[in-house]
Protein backbone atom coordinates (compact mmCIF):
# COMPACT_ATOMS: atom_id res chain seq x y z
CA MET A 1 8.53 -24.09 -21.99
CA LYS A 2 5.55 -22.50 -20.31
CA GLU A 3 2.31 -24.47 -20.22
CA LEU A 4 -0.56 -23.03 -22.27
CA LEU A 5 -3.28 -25.71 -22.27
CA LYS A 6 -3.76 -28.62 -19.90
CA ILE A 7 -6.54 -31.19 -20.16
CA GLU A 8 -6.97 -33.61 -17.26
CA ASN A 9 -9.09 -36.77 -17.28
CA LEU A 10 -11.62 -35.26 -19.68
CA SER A 11 -14.68 -37.31 -20.60
CA ALA A 12 -17.52 -35.93 -22.71
CA GLY A 13 -20.31 -36.93 -25.04
CA VAL A 14 -23.49 -35.91 -26.77
CA GLU A 15 -27.10 -36.88 -26.06
CA GLY A 16 -26.01 -39.34 -23.39
CA LYS A 17 -23.46 -41.09 -25.60
CA GLU A 18 -19.90 -41.00 -24.29
CA ILE A 19 -17.36 -40.05 -26.97
CA LEU A 20 -14.25 -38.83 -25.16
CA LYS A 21 -12.86 -41.04 -22.40
CA ASN A 22 -10.36 -39.78 -19.86
CA ILE A 23 -8.38 -37.52 -22.22
CA ASN A 24 -5.10 -36.08 -20.92
CA LEU A 25 -3.19 -33.55 -23.01
CA LYS A 26 -0.69 -30.77 -22.35
CA VAL A 27 0.31 -28.07 -24.85
CA ASN A 28 3.13 -25.63 -24.16
CA TYR A 29 3.70 -22.28 -25.79
CA GLY A 30 5.59 -22.60 -29.08
CA GLU A 31 4.44 -26.16 -29.77
CA VAL A 32 2.58 -27.81 -32.63
CA HIS A 33 0.41 -30.82 -31.76
CA VAL A 34 -1.27 -33.06 -34.32
CA VAL A 35 -4.31 -35.19 -33.46
CA MET A 36 -5.08 -38.12 -35.76
CA GLY A 37 -7.46 -41.05 -35.74
CA PRO A 38 -10.09 -42.85 -37.82
CA ASN A 39 -13.45 -41.24 -38.60
CA GLY A 40 -15.65 -41.09 -35.52
CA SER A 41 -12.78 -41.53 -33.08
CA GLY A 42 -13.44 -38.27 -31.23
CA LYS A 43 -11.03 -35.79 -32.84
CA SER A 44 -13.58 -33.11 -33.69
CA THR A 45 -15.41 -33.72 -30.41
CA LEU A 46 -12.21 -32.86 -28.56
CA ALA A 47 -11.92 -29.57 -30.45
CA ASN A 48 -15.55 -28.70 -29.81
CA VAL A 49 -15.32 -29.52 -26.11
CA ILE A 50 -12.24 -27.32 -25.70
CA MET A 51 -14.26 -24.46 -27.23
CA ASN A 52 -17.36 -25.36 -25.15
CA ASN A 53 -19.74 -26.16 -27.97
CA PRO A 54 -23.06 -26.46 -26.10
CA GLU A 55 -24.02 -29.59 -28.05
CA TYR A 56 -21.47 -31.55 -26.02
CA GLU A 57 -21.65 -32.39 -22.33
CA VAL A 58 -18.55 -32.77 -20.19
CA THR A 59 -19.08 -35.56 -17.67
CA SER A 60 -15.72 -35.32 -15.91
CA GLY A 61 -12.32 -33.67 -16.06
CA GLU A 62 -10.78 -30.21 -16.27
CA ILE A 63 -9.44 -27.86 -18.92
CA TYR A 64 -6.88 -25.24 -17.91
CA LEU A 65 -5.64 -22.28 -19.93
CA ASP A 66 -2.57 -20.53 -18.55
CA GLY A 67 -3.08 -22.44 -15.33
CA GLU A 68 -6.69 -21.33 -14.81
CA SER A 69 -9.76 -23.53 -15.22
CA ILE A 70 -11.99 -22.46 -18.12
CA MET A 71 -14.69 -25.06 -17.49
CA ASP A 72 -17.24 -22.45 -16.43
CA LEU A 73 -16.51 -20.08 -19.33
CA SER A 74 -18.79 -19.74 -22.35
CA THR A 75 -17.43 -20.03 -25.89
CA ASP A 76 -17.10 -16.28 -26.38
CA LYS A 77 -15.25 -15.88 -23.09
CA ARG A 78 -12.88 -18.69 -24.02
CA ALA A 79 -12.22 -16.87 -27.28
CA LYS A 80 -11.40 -13.70 -25.33
CA LYS A 81 -8.96 -15.75 -23.25
CA GLY A 82 -7.12 -16.66 -26.46
CA LEU A 83 -8.76 -19.76 -27.97
CA PHE A 84 -9.60 -20.02 -31.67
CA MET A 85 -11.10 -22.86 -33.68
CA SER A 86 -11.08 -23.32 -37.45
CA PHE A 87 -14.09 -25.39 -38.46
CA GLN A 88 -14.09 -28.50 -40.62
CA ASN A 89 -17.21 -27.23 -42.41
CA PRO A 90 -17.35 -23.42 -42.08
CA MET A 91 -20.84 -21.92 -42.03
CA GLU A 92 -22.18 -19.40 -44.53
CA VAL A 93 -23.43 -16.21 -42.89
CA SER A 94 -25.57 -13.87 -44.98
CA GLY A 95 -25.66 -10.17 -44.22
CA ILE A 96 -22.18 -9.76 -42.72
CA SER A 97 -19.03 -9.33 -44.77
CA VAL A 98 -15.74 -11.09 -44.11
CA GLU A 99 -14.15 -7.77 -43.20
CA ASN A 100 -16.88 -6.75 -40.76
CA PHE A 101 -17.01 -10.20 -39.19
CA ILE A 102 -13.28 -10.31 -38.46
CA ARG A 103 -13.10 -6.66 -37.34
CA THR A 104 -16.06 -7.13 -34.97
CA ALA A 105 -14.51 -10.30 -33.53
CA LYS A 106 -11.14 -8.62 -33.08
CA SER A 107 -12.71 -5.59 -31.41
CA SER A 108 -14.68 -7.85 -29.05
CA ILE A 109 -11.67 -9.98 -28.13
CA GLU A 110 -9.36 -7.02 -27.58
CA ASP A 111 -12.17 -5.01 -25.94
CA LYS A 112 -11.32 -1.83 -27.84
CA ASN A 113 -12.21 0.03 -31.00
CA ILE A 114 -10.23 -1.00 -34.07
CA SER A 115 -8.96 1.56 -36.57
CA ILE A 116 -10.84 0.79 -39.78
CA LEU A 117 -8.09 2.03 -42.10
CA LYS A 118 -5.29 0.14 -40.34
CA PHE A 119 -7.42 -2.98 -40.05
CA LYS A 120 -8.25 -2.89 -43.77
CA LYS A 121 -4.57 -2.47 -44.65
CA ASP A 122 -3.54 -5.38 -42.40
CA LEU A 123 -6.38 -7.54 -43.73
CA GLU A 124 -5.42 -6.99 -47.36
CA LYS A 125 -1.79 -7.71 -46.54
CA GLU A 126 -2.72 -11.11 -45.09
CA MET A 127 -5.12 -11.80 -47.96
CA ASP A 128 -2.27 -11.24 -50.43
CA LYS A 129 -0.14 -13.81 -48.60
CA LEU A 130 -3.03 -16.29 -48.77
CA SER A 131 -3.59 -15.58 -52.48
CA MET A 132 -7.10 -14.28 -51.73
CA ASP A 133 -8.62 -11.63 -53.96
CA HIS A 134 -9.41 -8.45 -51.98
CA SER A 135 -13.01 -8.62 -53.20
CA TYR A 136 -13.64 -11.46 -50.77
CA ALA A 137 -13.38 -8.98 -47.88
CA SER A 138 -16.65 -7.34 -48.91
CA ARG A 139 -18.50 -10.58 -49.66
CA TYR A 140 -20.81 -12.19 -47.14
CA LEU A 141 -19.00 -14.66 -44.91
CA ASN A 142 -18.34 -17.87 -46.87
CA GLU A 143 -21.40 -17.27 -49.09
CA GLY A 144 -20.61 -18.72 -52.52
CA PHE A 145 -17.03 -19.49 -51.47
CA SER A 146 -15.34 -22.61 -52.79
CA GLY A 147 -14.13 -25.13 -50.21
CA GLY A 148 -10.59 -23.87 -50.62
CA GLU A 149 -11.58 -20.23 -50.16
CA MET A 150 -13.54 -21.13 -47.02
CA LYS A 151 -10.47 -22.78 -45.52
CA LYS A 152 -8.23 -19.87 -46.49
CA ASN A 153 -10.76 -17.57 -44.83
CA GLU A 154 -10.45 -19.58 -41.62
CA ILE A 155 -6.67 -19.10 -41.68
CA LEU A 156 -7.19 -15.41 -42.44
CA GLN A 157 -9.31 -15.13 -39.30
CA MET A 158 -6.62 -16.89 -37.26
CA LEU A 159 -3.90 -14.56 -38.51
CA MET A 160 -5.96 -11.43 -37.87
CA LEU A 161 -7.25 -12.46 -34.44
CA ASN A 162 -3.84 -13.79 -33.33
CA PRO A 163 -5.04 -16.19 -30.59
CA LYS A 164 -2.86 -17.93 -28.03
CA LEU A 165 -4.06 -21.36 -29.14
CA ALA A 166 -5.40 -22.16 -32.61
CA ILE A 167 -7.31 -25.42 -33.03
CA LEU A 168 -7.51 -26.36 -36.72
CA ASP A 169 -10.16 -29.01 -37.30
CA GLU A 170 -9.38 -30.72 -40.64
CA THR A 171 -8.54 -27.41 -42.30
CA ASP A 172 -6.83 -29.39 -45.07
CA SER A 173 -10.00 -31.36 -45.91
CA GLY A 174 -10.88 -30.95 -49.59
CA LEU A 175 -7.91 -28.73 -50.42
CA ASP A 176 -5.81 -29.22 -53.54
CA VAL A 177 -2.01 -29.29 -53.34
CA ASP A 178 -1.54 -25.56 -53.99
CA ALA A 179 -4.18 -24.48 -51.46
CA THR A 180 -2.76 -26.86 -48.85
CA LYS A 181 0.68 -25.30 -49.30
CA ILE A 182 -0.73 -21.78 -48.91
CA VAL A 183 -2.63 -22.78 -45.75
CA SER A 184 0.44 -24.49 -44.27
CA GLN A 185 2.51 -21.37 -44.95
CA GLY A 186 -0.15 -19.32 -43.14
CA ILE A 187 0.18 -21.60 -40.12
CA GLU A 188 3.96 -21.21 -40.23
CA ARG A 189 3.63 -17.40 -40.22
CA PHE A 190 1.29 -17.59 -37.26
CA LEU A 191 3.48 -19.79 -35.10
CA SER A 192 5.70 -18.16 -32.49
CA LYS A 193 6.93 -18.60 -28.94
CA ASP A 194 3.77 -16.78 -27.81
CA ASN A 195 1.20 -19.23 -29.19
CA ALA A 196 0.57 -22.86 -30.09
CA VAL A 197 -1.41 -24.91 -32.61
CA ILE A 198 -3.43 -28.13 -32.44
CA ILE A 199 -3.95 -29.58 -35.92
CA ILE A 200 -6.63 -32.22 -36.39
CA THR A 201 -6.05 -34.02 -39.66
CA HIS A 202 -6.29 -37.26 -41.63
CA HIS A 203 -3.44 -36.47 -43.99
CA ARG A 204 0.28 -35.80 -44.17
CA GLU A 205 0.28 -32.87 -46.60
CA LEU A 206 -0.58 -30.06 -44.19
CA VAL A 207 2.23 -30.95 -41.80
CA ARG A 208 4.96 -31.51 -44.38
CA GLU A 209 6.13 -27.95 -43.76
CA VAL A 210 4.67 -27.46 -40.27
CA VAL A 211 6.51 -30.22 -38.42
CA PRO A 212 4.67 -31.17 -35.21
CA ASP A 213 6.34 -31.56 -31.85
CA PHE A 214 3.85 -34.23 -30.79
CA VAL A 215 1.39 -36.52 -32.56
CA HIS A 216 -1.56 -37.93 -30.60
CA ILE A 217 -3.59 -40.87 -31.86
CA ILE A 218 -7.22 -41.15 -30.76
CA LEU A 219 -9.08 -44.46 -31.02
CA ASN A 220 -12.61 -44.86 -29.67
CA GLY A 221 -12.40 -41.61 -27.73
CA GLU A 222 -9.09 -42.35 -26.02
CA ILE A 223 -5.56 -41.10 -26.70
CA VAL A 224 -3.80 -44.42 -27.12
CA LYS A 225 -0.44 -43.37 -28.51
CA VAL A 226 1.79 -40.28 -28.50
CA GLY A 227 4.88 -39.82 -30.65
CA ASP A 228 6.80 -37.41 -32.85
CA HIS A 229 6.31 -36.57 -36.54
CA THR A 230 7.59 -40.00 -37.65
CA LEU A 231 4.35 -41.47 -36.31
CA ILE A 232 2.48 -39.73 -39.15
CA ASP A 233 4.60 -41.47 -41.78
CA LYS A 234 3.93 -44.86 -40.22
CA ILE A 235 0.18 -44.22 -40.19
CA GLU A 236 0.27 -43.02 -43.81
CA ASN A 237 1.98 -46.26 -44.80
CA GLU A 238 0.26 -48.76 -42.53
CA GLY A 239 -3.00 -47.20 -41.33
CA PHE A 240 -4.26 -47.55 -37.74
CA ASN A 241 -4.60 -51.34 -37.45
CA TRP A 242 -1.13 -51.81 -35.97
CA ILE A 243 -2.04 -49.36 -33.19
CA ARG A 244 -5.28 -51.23 -32.53
CA GLU A 245 -3.28 -54.44 -32.22
CA GLU A 246 -0.87 -52.79 -29.77
CA VAL A 247 -3.75 -51.47 -27.65
CA ASN A 248 -5.53 -54.83 -27.61
């Protein structure tokens, strides 16, 4: 399979504190990768560094997308190249509706005007599949949304923007069983041979239906173990201590 993302010897931190240490990761088109680890291990930092969150400083390493370095690209330019990130704690944005936010983002990424009528039709179609009331399209972005509706809205953005690589940072956090199933079905609909997904999670539920090709375990900012989906079951049953013992 063709390589989509390649991370080489990446180290990064915040305010002088090193968090990621010599990370190496390769994601091919058509693949699902899961990143797991204890709280504070560096999972969300990895997602933010890939998207070039300015709060984080890269001290060494390279990130390639489709074989080209994106290290010098700003967040918006990385998005135009095909990167998307679903946030663990989505922000509320007053004054801009869900519909306008997504249409503006899509127009910017595709660098063309978007037909309002077709966009609205496509948006409502995806909202139906996510069990979202159409009224949410005209509401301000995430304002007054429940945690579940915020997470569904993140998946709605992913489906409408159709990126090459979707990075889902604990999208299942705080979701009930029904909402988790709807979100996982949205991920399944998104997946194709023309894209890939990195799922950052603590739990098994989200990937019961979306079976990952690779599972990466991060401890103290380092990827210390890589396996297939069976690794998730072992962690669910035994936690991370056995991996710590292996590493030490």
